[in-house]
Amino acid sequence: MICAVYKSSRKQETYLFIEKRDDFEKVPEALMEMFGIPSLVMILPLQKRQHLAFADIEKVKSELSDKGFYLQLPPPVENLLEAHKHEIGYSPN
């Protein structure tokens, strides 16, 4: 299975995986509006890979087969202050 990976012009660290290069037919119009102008990042042969850096490869393959696309969103931003408070056991009482 080979897919094309595009990055969003509107959402930083957001990527769209599709089955065929420049074939956005299966991607919902609302998603394409949010995504902006797609910029090709790479053509990726999934069958030769065991993992991806920021996505579960089996989920990517499954969604490509089922929906025709996979949307990779950036990881949530960690709130370092809250993490530190939790680590030291801070309570606002």
PDB file of N, CA and C in Angstrom:
ATOM      1  N   MET A   1       0.844  -1.177   0.000  1.00  0.00           N
ATOM      2  CA  MET A   1       0.000   0.000   0.000  1.00  0.00           C
ATOM      3  C   MET A   1       0.892   1.243   0.000  1.00  0.00           C
ATOM      4  N   ILE A   2       0.653   2.113  -0.940  1.00  0.00           N
ATOM      5  CA  ILE A   2       1.388   3.373  -1.044  1.00  0.00           C
ATOM      6  C   ILE A   2       0.396   4.506  -0.816  1.00  0.00           C
ATOM      7  N   CYS A   3       0.833   5.546  -0.103  1.00  0.00           N
ATOM      8  CA  CYS A   3      -0.044   6.693   0.109  1.00  0.00           C
ATOM      9  C   CYS A   3       0.743   7.980  -0.105  1.00  0.00           C
ATOM     10  N   ALA A   4      -0.004   9.055  -0.277  1.00  0.00           N
ATOM     11  CA  ALA A   4       0.592  10.386  -0.407  1.00  0.00           C
ATOM     12  C   ALA A   4       0.305  11.141   0.877  1.00  0.00           C
ATOM     13  N   VAL A   5       1.295  11.868   1.364  1.00  0.00           N
ATOM     14  CA  VAL A   5       1.163  12.619   2.609  1.00  0.00           C
ATOM     15  C   VAL A   5       1.284  14.106   2.297  1.00  0.00           C
ATOM     16  N   TYR A   6       0.296  14.869   2.790  1.00  0.00           N
ATOM     17  CA  TYR A   6       0.249  16.312   2.568  1.00  0.00           C
ATOM     18  C   TYR A   6       0.232  17.036   3.904  1.00  0.00           C
ATOM     19  N   LYS A   7       0.871  18.209   3.947  1.00  0.00           N
ATOM     20  CA  LYS A   7       0.777  19.020   5.154  1.00  0.00           C
ATOM     21  C   LYS A   7      -0.207  20.155   4.913  1.00  0.00           C
ATOM     22  N   SER A   8      -0.804  20.601   6.001  1.00  0.00           N
ATOM     23  CA  SER A   8      -1.812  21.656   5.945  1.00  0.00           C
ATOM     24  C   SER A   8      -1.168  23.031   5.830  1.00  0.00           C
ATOM     25  N   SER A   9      -1.810  23.905   5.083  1.00  0.00           N
ATOM     26  CA  SER A   9      -1.347  25.290   4.996  1.00  0.00           C
ATOM     27  C   SER A   9      -1.941  26.136   6.123  1.00  0.00           C
ATOM     28  N   ARG A  10      -2.925  25.594   6.825  1.00  0.00           N
ATOM     29  CA  ARG A  10      -3.614  26.354   7.880  1.00  0.00           C
ATOM     30  C   ARG A  10      -3.340  25.864   9.287  1.00  0.00           C
ATOM     31  N   LYS A  11      -3.099  24.574   9.436  1.00  0.00           N
ATOM     32  CA  LYS A  11      -2.933  23.979  10.763  1.00  0.00           C
ATOM     33  C   LYS A  11      -1.532  23.396  10.877  1.00  0.00           C
ATOM     34  N   GLN A  12      -0.726  23.987  11.746  1.00  0.00           N
ATOM     35  CA  GLN A  12       0.638  23.531  11.936  1.00  0.00           C
ATOM     36  C   GLN A  12       0.671  22.083  12.431  1.00  0.00           C
ATOM     37  N   GLU A  13       1.604  21.301  11.924  1.00  0.00           N
ATOM     38  CA  GLU A  13       1.811  19.898  12.293  1.00  0.00           C
ATOM     39  C   GLU A  13       0.587  19.009  12.022  1.00  0.00           C
ATOM     40  N   THR A  14      -0.206  19.362  11.010  1.00  0.00           N
ATOM     41  CA  THR A  14      -1.375  18.576  10.625  1.00  0.00           C
ATOM     42  C   THR A  14      -1.127  17.999   9.231  1.00  0.00           C
ATOM     43  N   TYR A  15      -1.313  16.686   9.126  1.00  0.00           N
ATOM     44  CA  TYR A  15      -1.004  15.984   7.880  1.00  0.00           C
ATOM     45  C   TYR A  15      -2.188  15.141   7.430  1.00  0.00           C
ATOM     46  N   LEU A  16      -2.344  15.037   6.125  1.00  0.00           N
ATOM     47  CA  LEU A  16      -3.405  14.254   5.524  1.00  0.00           C
ATOM     48  C   LEU A  16      -2.783  13.165   4.658  1.00  0.00           C
ATOM     49  N   PHE A  17      -3.129  11.918   4.963  1.00  0.00           N
ATOM     50  CA  PHE A  17      -2.662  10.761   4.189  1.00  0.00           C
ATOM     51  C   PHE A  17      -3.815  10.368   3.260  1.00  0.00           C
ATOM     52  N   ILE A  18      -3.530  10.218   1.974  1.00  0.00           N
ATOM     53  CA  ILE A  18      -4.555   9.772   1.026  1.00  0.00           C
ATOM     54  C   ILE A  18      -3.994   8.636   0.181  1.00  0.00           C
ATOM     55  N   GLU A  19      -4.894   7.885  -0.440  1.00  0.00           N
ATOM     56  CA  GLU A  19      -4.498   6.691  -1.193  1.00  0.00           C
ATOM     57  C   GLU A  19      -3.718   6.995  -2.462  1.00  0.00           C
ATOM     58  N   LYS A  20      -4.101   8.055  -3.167  1.00  0.00           N
ATOM     59  CA  LYS A  20      -3.461   8.381  -4.441  1.00  0.00           C
ATOM     60  C   LYS A  20      -3.097   9.859  -4.466  1.00  0.00           C
ATOM     61  N   ARG A  21      -1.957  10.155  -5.026  1.00  0.00           N
ATOM     62  CA  ARG A  21      -1.477  11.530  -5.121  1.00  0.00           C
ATOM     63  C   ARG A  21      -2.522  12.421  -5.801  1.00  0.00           C
ATOM     64  N   ASP A  22      -2.804  13.541  -5.162  1.00  0.00           N
ATOM     65  CA  ASP A  22      -3.719  14.572  -5.670  1.00  0.00           C
ATOM     66  C   ASP A  22      -5.161  14.113  -5.851  1.00  0.00           C
ATOM     67  N   ASP A  23      -5.552  13.000  -5.237  1.00  0.00           N
ATOM     68  CA  ASP A  23      -6.929  12.509  -5.329  1.00  0.00           C
ATOM     69  C   ASP A  23      -7.624  12.725  -3.985  1.00  0.00           C
ATOM     70  N   PHE A  24      -8.260  13.891  -3.837  1.00  0.00           N
ATOM     71  CA  PHE A  24      -8.907  14.278  -2.582  1.00  0.00           C
ATOM     72  C   PHE A  24     -10.413  14.010  -2.608  1.00  0.00           C
ATOM     73  N   GLU A  25     -10.859  13.211  -3.552  1.00  0.00           N
ATOM     74  CA  GLU A  25     -12.290  12.940  -3.748  1.00  0.00           C
ATOM     75  C   GLU A  25     -12.958  12.363  -2.496  1.00  0.00           C
ATOM     76  N   LYS A  26     -12.271  11.505  -1.754  1.00  0.00           N
ATOM     77  CA  LYS A  26     -12.868  10.858  -0.583  1.00  0.00           C
ATOM     78  C   LYS A  26     -12.776  11.708   0.693  1.00  0.00           C
ATOM     79  N   VAL A  27     -12.054  12.816   0.636  1.00  0.00           N
ATOM     80  CA  VAL A  27     -11.898  13.682   1.801  1.00  0.00           C
ATOM     81  C   VAL A  27     -13.084  14.634   1.865  1.00  0.00           C
ATOM     82  N   PRO A  28     -13.777  14.697   3.016  1.00  0.00           N
ATOM     83  CA  PRO A  28     -14.936  15.591   3.130  1.00  0.00           C
ATOM     84  C   PRO A  28     -14.568  17.053   2.841  1.00  0.00           C
ATOM     85  N   GLU A  29     -15.490  17.748   2.210  1.00  0.00           N
ATOM     86  CA  GLU A  29     -15.258  19.141   1.827  1.00  0.00           C
ATOM     87  C   GLU A  29     -14.951  20.017   3.040  1.00  0.00           C
ATOM     88  N   ALA A  30     -15.656  19.791   4.136  1.00  0.00           N
ATOM     89  CA  ALA A  30     -15.425  20.594   5.360  1.00  0.00           C
ATOM     90  C   ALA A  30     -13.994  20.400   5.869  1.00  0.00           C
ATOM     91  N   LEU A  31     -13.484  19.187   5.783  1.00  0.00           N
ATOM     92  CA  LEU A  31     -12.112  18.919   6.207  1.00  0.00           C
ATOM     93  C   LEU A  31     -11.130  19.636   5.296  1.00  0.00           C
ATOM     94  N   MET A  32     -11.374  19.602   4.003  1.00  0.00           N
ATOM     95  CA  MET A  32     -10.475  20.283   3.065  1.00  0.00           C
ATOM     96  C   MET A  32     -10.472  21.788   3.296  1.00  0.00           C
ATOM     97  N   GLU A  33     -11.632  22.359   3.644  1.00  0.00           N
ATOM     98  CA  GLU A  33     -11.692  23.800   3.946  1.00  0.00           C
ATOM     99  C   GLU A  33     -10.853  24.126   5.168  1.00  0.00           C
ATOM    100  N   MET A  34     -10.952  23.293   6.216  1.00  0.00           N
ATOM    101  CA  MET A  34     -10.181  23.491   7.428  1.00  0.00           C
ATOM    102  C   MET A  34      -8.686  23.275   7.159  1.00  0.00           C
ATOM    103  N   PHE A  35      -8.370  22.292   6.330  1.00  0.00           N
ATOM    104  CA  PHE A  35      -6.997  21.906   6.050  1.00  0.00           C
ATOM    105  C   PHE A  35      -6.251  22.969   5.245  1.00  0.00           C
ATOM    106  N   GLY A  36      -6.960  23.645   4.356  1.00  0.00           N
ATOM    107  CA  GLY A  36      -6.321  24.641   3.504  1.00  0.00           C
ATOM    108  C   GLY A  36      -5.708  23.994   2.270  1.00  0.00           C
ATOM    109  N   ILE A  37      -4.764  24.673   1.673  1.00  0.00           N
ATOM    110  CA  ILE A  37      -4.116  24.178   0.460  1.00  0.00           C
ATOM    111  C   ILE A  37      -3.121  23.089   0.852  1.00  0.00           C
ATOM    112  N   PRO A  38      -3.341  21.859   0.385  1.00  0.00           N
ATOM    113  CA  PRO A  38      -2.430  20.771   0.742  1.00  0.00           C
ATOM    114  C   PRO A  38      -1.098  20.894  -0.001  1.00  0.00           C
ATOM    115  N   SER A  39      -0.030  20.621   0.725  1.00  0.00           N
ATOM    116  CA  SER A  39       1.312  20.656   0.145  1.00  0.00           C
ATOM    117  C   SER A  39       1.921  19.260   0.277  1.00  0.00           C
ATOM    118  N   LEU A  40       2.259  18.647  -0.851  1.00  0.00           N
ATOM    119  CA  LEU A  40       2.795  17.287  -0.849  1.00  0.00           C
ATOM    120  C   LEU A  40       4.107  17.240  -0.069  1.00  0.00           C
ATOM    121  N   VAL A  41       4.169  16.315   0.882  1.00  0.00           N
ATOM    122  CA  VAL A  41       5.373  16.122   1.680  1.00  0.00           C
ATOM    123  C   VAL A  41       6.151  14.918   1.168  1.00  0.00           C
ATOM    124  N   MET A  42       5.425  13.797   0.931  1.00  0.00           N
ATOM    125  CA  MET A  42       6.099  12.588   0.466  1.00  0.00           C
ATOM    126  C   MET A  42       5.100  11.562  -0.053  1.00  0.00           C
ATOM    127  N   ILE A  43       5.625  10.650  -0.825  1.00  0.00           N
ATOM    128  CA  ILE A  43       4.908   9.437  -1.216  1.00  0.00           C
ATOM    129  C   ILE A  43       5.489   8.353  -0.320  1.00  0.00           C
ATOM    130  N   LEU A  44       4.617   7.641   0.394  1.00  0.00           N
ATOM    131  CA  LEU A  44       5.066   6.731   1.438  1.00  0.00           C
ATOM    132  C   LEU A  44       4.600   5.301   1.182  1.00  0.00           C
ATOM    133  N   PRO A  45       5.533   4.364   0.984  1.00  0.00           N
ATOM    134  CA  PRO A  45       5.153   2.957   0.842  1.00  0.00           C
ATOM    135  C   PRO A  45       4.923   2.341   2.231  1.00  0.00           C
ATOM    136  N   LEU A  46       3.673   2.168   2.608  1.00  0.00           N
ATOM    137  CA  LEU A  46       3.338   1.680   3.942  1.00  0.00           C
ATOM    138  C   LEU A  46       3.678   0.203   4.142  1.00  0.00           C
ATOM    139  N   GLN A  47       3.613  -0.590   3.087  1.00  0.00           N
ATOM    140  CA  GLN A  47       3.864  -2.018   3.245  1.00  0.00           C
ATOM    141  C   GLN A  47       5.308  -2.305   3.649  1.00  0.00           C
ATOM    142  N   LYS A  48       6.221  -1.395   3.411  1.00  0.00           N
ATOM    143  CA  LYS A  48       7.627  -1.599   3.752  1.00  0.00           C
ATOM    144  C   LYS A  48       7.986  -1.041   5.127  1.00  0.00           C
ATOM    145  N   ARG A  49       6.997  -0.471   5.821  1.00  0.00           N
ATOM    146  CA  ARG A  49       7.263   0.145   7.123  1.00  0.00           C
ATOM    147  C   ARG A  49       6.575  -0.635   8.233  1.00  0.00           C
ATOM    148  N   GLN A  50       7.197  -0.639   9.397  1.00  0.00           N
ATOM    149  CA  GLN A  50       6.607  -1.283  10.558  1.00  0.00           C
ATOM    150  C   GLN A  50       5.995  -0.272  11.515  1.00  0.00           C
ATOM    151  N   HIS A  51       6.433   0.984  11.414  1.00  0.00           N
ATOM    152  CA  HIS A  51       5.889   2.034  12.279  1.00  0.00           C
ATOM    153  C   HIS A  51       6.089   3.393  11.618  1.00  0.00           C
ATOM    154  N   LEU A  52       5.354   4.372  12.126  1.00  0.00           N
ATOM    155  CA  LEU A  52       5.492   5.759  11.703  1.00  0.00           C
ATOM    156  C   LEU A  52       5.874   6.583  12.927  1.00  0.00           C
ATOM    157  N   ALA A  53       6.432   7.749  12.714  1.00  0.00           N
ATOM    158  CA  ALA A  53       6.919   8.561  13.823  1.00  0.00           C
ATOM    159  C   ALA A  53       5.806   8.991  14.781  1.00  0.00           C
ATOM    160  N   PHE A  54       4.699   9.509  14.259  1.00  0.00           N
ATOM    161  CA  PHE A  54       3.678  10.087  15.130  1.00  0.00           C
ATOM    162  C   PHE A  54       2.290   9.494  14.947  1.00  0.00           C
ATOM    163  N   ALA A  55       2.186   8.376  14.262  1.00  0.00           N
ATOM    164  CA  ALA A  55       0.874   7.753  14.042  1.00  0.00           C
ATOM    165  C   ALA A  55       1.008   6.239  14.114  1.00  0.00           C
ATOM    166  N   ASP A  56      -0.078   5.602  14.506  1.00  0.00           N
ATOM    167  CA  ASP A  56      -0.145   4.144  14.544  1.00  0.00           C
ATOM    168  C   ASP A  56      -0.325   3.655  13.105  1.00  0.00           C
ATOM    169  N   ILE A  57       0.661   2.949  12.591  1.00  0.00           N
ATOM    170  CA  ILE A  57       0.637   2.544  11.181  1.00  0.00           C
ATOM    171  C   ILE A  57      -0.570   1.670  10.849  1.00  0.00           C
ATOM    172  N   GLU A  58      -0.999   0.822  11.787  1.00  0.00           N
ATOM    173  CA  GLU A  58      -2.164  -0.027  11.528  1.00  0.00           C
ATOM    174  C   GLU A  58      -3.436   0.814  11.428  1.00  0.00           C
ATOM    175  N   LYS A  59      -3.533   1.853  12.243  1.00  0.00           N
ATOM    176  CA  LYS A  59      -4.690   2.751  12.171  1.00  0.00           C
ATOM    177  C   LYS A  59      -4.677   3.526  10.849  1.00  0.00           C
ATOM    178  N   VAL A  60      -3.507   3.964  10.425  1.00  0.00           N
ATOM    179  CA  VAL A  60      -3.379   4.671   9.142  1.00  0.00           C
ATOM    180  C   VAL A  60      -3.843   3.767   8.012  1.00  0.00           C
ATOM    181  N   LYS A  61      -3.348   2.538   7.984  1.00  0.00           N
ATOM    182  CA  LYS A  61      -3.733   1.590   6.934  1.00  0.00           C
ATOM    183  C   LYS A  61      -5.234   1.312   6.962  1.00  0.00           C
ATOM    184  N   SER A  62      -5.767   1.118   8.159  1.00  0.00           N
ATOM    185  CA  SER A  62      -7.187   0.819   8.313  1.00  0.00           C
ATOM    186  C   SER A  62      -8.061   1.976   7.822  1.00  0.00           C
ATOM    187  N   GLU A  63      -7.729   3.194   8.230  1.00  0.00           N
ATOM    188  CA  GLU A  63      -8.536   4.343   7.813  1.00  0.00           C
ATOM    189  C   GLU A  63      -8.390   4.631   6.326  1.00  0.00           C
ATOM    190  N   LEU A  64      -7.208   4.399   5.773  1.00  0.00           N
ATOM    191  CA  LEU A  64      -7.043   4.563   4.324  1.00  0.00           C
ATOM    192  C   LEU A  64      -7.940   3.573   3.580  1.00  0.00           C
ATOM    193  N   SER A  65      -8.004   2.336   4.072  1.00  0.00           N
ATOM    194  CA  SER A  65      -8.845   1.323   3.435  1.00  0.00           C
ATOM    195  C   SER A  65     -10.329   1.619   3.618  1.00  0.00           C
ATOM    196  N   ASP A  66     -10.715   2.031   4.830  1.00  0.00           N
ATOM    197  CA  ASP A  66     -12.134   2.261   5.146  1.00  0.00           C
ATOM    198  C   ASP A  66     -12.666   3.590   4.621  1.00  0.00           C
ATOM    199  N   LYS A  67     -11.912   4.666   4.856  1.00  0.00           N
ATOM    200  CA  LYS A  67     -12.399   6.011   4.527  1.00  0.00           C
ATOM    201  C   LYS A  67     -11.726   6.634   3.316  1.00  0.00           C
ATOM    202  N   GLY A  68     -10.533   6.138   2.980  1.00  0.00           N
ATOM    203  CA  GLY A  68      -9.798   6.713   1.851  1.00  0.00           C
ATOM    204  C   GLY A  68      -8.845   7.822   2.262  1.00  0.00           C
ATOM    205  N   PHE A  69      -8.791   8.125   3.572  1.00  0.00           N
ATOM    206  CA  PHE A  69      -7.862   9.138   4.062  1.00  0.00           C
ATOM    207  C   PHE A  69      -7.605   8.929   5.553  1.00  0.00           C
ATOM    208  N   TYR A  70      -6.526   9.534   6.044  1.00  0.00           N
ATOM    209  CA  TYR A  70      -6.213   9.538   7.463  1.00  0.00           C
ATOM    210  C   TYR A  70      -5.717  10.929   7.803  1.00  0.00           C
ATOM    211  N   LEU A  71      -6.263  11.525   8.844  1.00  0.00           N
ATOM    212  CA  LEU A  71      -5.860  12.860   9.285  1.00  0.00           C
ATOM    213  C   LEU A  71      -5.001  12.725  10.532  1.00  0.00           C
ATOM    214  N   GLN A  72      -3.782  13.233  10.462  1.00  0.00           N
ATOM    215  CA  GLN A  72      -2.870  13.221  11.604  1.00  0.00           C
ATOM    216  C   GLN A  72      -2.818  14.610  12.208  1.00  0.00           C
ATOM    217  N   LEU A  73      -3.298  14.721  13.433  1.00  0.00           N
ATOM    218  CA  LEU A  73      -3.304  15.991  14.149  1.00  0.00           C
ATOM    219  C   LEU A  73      -2.072  16.083  15.037  1.00  0.00           C
ATOM    220  N   PRO A  74      -1.659  17.313  15.388  1.00  0.00           N
ATOM    221  CA  PRO A  74      -0.496  17.446  16.264  1.00  0.00           C
ATOM    222  C   PRO A  74      -0.820  16.937  17.665  1.00  0.00           C
ATOM    223  N   PRO A  75       0.197  16.491  18.391  1.00  0.00           N
ATOM    224  CA  PRO A  75      -0.057  16.057  19.765  1.00  0.00           C
ATOM    225  C   PRO A  75      -0.496  17.250  20.608  1.00  0.00           C
ATOM    226  N   PRO A  76      -1.279  17.002  21.667  1.00  0.00           N
ATOM    227  CA  PRO A  76      -1.713  18.122  22.496  1.00  0.00           C
ATOM    228  C   PRO A  76      -0.521  18.788  23.176  1.00  0.00           C
ATOM    229  N   VAL A  77      -0.635  20.091  23.371  1.00  0.00           N
ATOM    230  CA  VAL A  77       0.419  20.848  24.027  1.00  0.00           C
ATOM    231  C   VAL A  77       0.341  20.566  25.527  1.00  0.00           C
ATOM    232  N   GLU A  78       1.465  20.173  26.089  1.00  0.00           N
ATOM    233  CA  GLU A  78       1.504  19.852  27.508  1.00  0.00           C
ATOM    234  C   GLU A  78       1.559  21.141  28.320  1.00  0.00           C
ATOM    235  N   ASN A  79       0.731  21.222  29.358  1.00  0.00           N
ATOM    236  CA  ASN A  79       0.749  22.353  30.268  1.00  0.00           C
ATOM    237  C   ASN A  79       1.822  22.059  31.318  1.00  0.00           C
ATOM    238  N   LEU A  80       2.997  22.672  31.145  1.00  0.00           N
ATOM    239  CA  LEU A  80       4.130  22.365  32.011  1.00  0.00           C
ATOM    240  C   LEU A  80       3.898  22.790  33.454  1.00  0.00           C
ATOM    241  N   LEU A  81       3.187  23.900  33.671  1.00  0.00           N
ATOM    242  CA  LEU A  81       2.901  24.347  35.030  1.00  0.00           C
ATOM    243  C   LEU A  81       2.032  23.331  35.761  1.00  0.00           C
ATOM    244  N   GLU A  82       0.975  22.863  35.100  1.00  0.00           N
ATOM    245  CA  GLU A  82       0.096  21.866  35.724  1.00  0.00           C
ATOM    246  C   GLU A  82       0.836  20.554  35.962  1.00  0.00           C
ATOM    247  N   ALA A  83       1.688  20.160  35.041  1.00  0.00           N
ATOM    248  CA  ALA A  83       2.472  18.938  35.211  1.00  0.00           C
ATOM    249  C   ALA A  83       3.404  19.066  36.412  1.00  0.00           C
ATOM    250  N   HIS A  84       4.013  20.225  36.563  1.00  0.00           N
ATOM    251  CA  HIS A  84       4.913  20.460  37.701  1.00  0.00           C
ATOM    252  C   HIS A  84       4.132  20.445  39.017  1.00  0.00           C
ATOM    253  N   LYS A  85       2.967  21.109  39.040  1.00  0.00           N
ATOM    254  CA  LYS A  85       2.138  21.115  40.243  1.00  0.00           C
ATOM    255  C   LYS A  85       1.759  19.692  40.639  1.00  0.00           C
ATOM    256  N   HIS A  86       1.392  18.899  39.651  1.00  0.00           N
ATOM    257  CA  HIS A  86       1.010  17.516  39.927  1.00  0.00           C
ATOM    258  C   HIS A  86       2.212  16.733  40.470  1.00  0.00           C
ATOM    259  N   GLU A  87       3.363  16.970  39.869  1.00  0.00           N
ATOM    260  CA  GLU A  87       4.583  16.259  40.275  1.00  0.00           C
ATOM    261  C   GLU A  87       4.970  16.550  41.720  1.00  0.00           C
ATOM    262  N   ILE A  88       4.805  17.800  42.149  1.00  0.00           N
ATOM    263  CA  ILE A  88       5.201  18.148  43.524  1.00  0.00           C
ATOM    264  C   ILE A  88       4.059  17.999  44.509  1.00  0.00           C
ATOM    265  N   GLY A  89       2.885  17.607  44.011  1.00  0.00           N
ATOM    266  CA  GLY A  89       1.739  17.386  44.897  1.00  0.00           C
ATOM    267  C   GLY A  89       1.089  18.674  45.387  1.00  0.00           C
ATOM    268  N   TYR A  90       1.181  19.721  44.597  1.00  0.00           N
ATOM    269  CA  TYR A  90       0.588  21.008  44.963  1.00  0.00           C
ATOM    270  C   TYR A  90      -0.926  20.933  44.982  1.00  0.00           C
ATOM    271  N   SER A  91      -1.513  21.527  46.024  1.00  0.00           N
ATOM    272  CA  SER A  91      -2.968  21.624  46.129  1.00  0.00           C
ATOM    273  C   SER A  91      -3.316  23.044  46.526  1.00  0.00           C
ATOM    274  N   PRO A  92      -4.245  23.708  45.831  1.00  0.00           N
ATOM    275  CA  PRO A  92      -4.554  25.125  46.090  1.00  0.00           C
ATOM    276  C   PRO A  92      -5.319  25.382  47.377  1.00  0.00           C
ATOM    277  N   ASN A  93      -5.383  24.454  48.299  1.00  0.00           N
ATOM    278  CA  ASN A  93      -6.133  24.651  49.562  1.00  0.00           C
ATOM    279  C   ASN A  93      -5.431  25.560  50.465  1.00  0.00           C
TER     280      ASN A  93
END
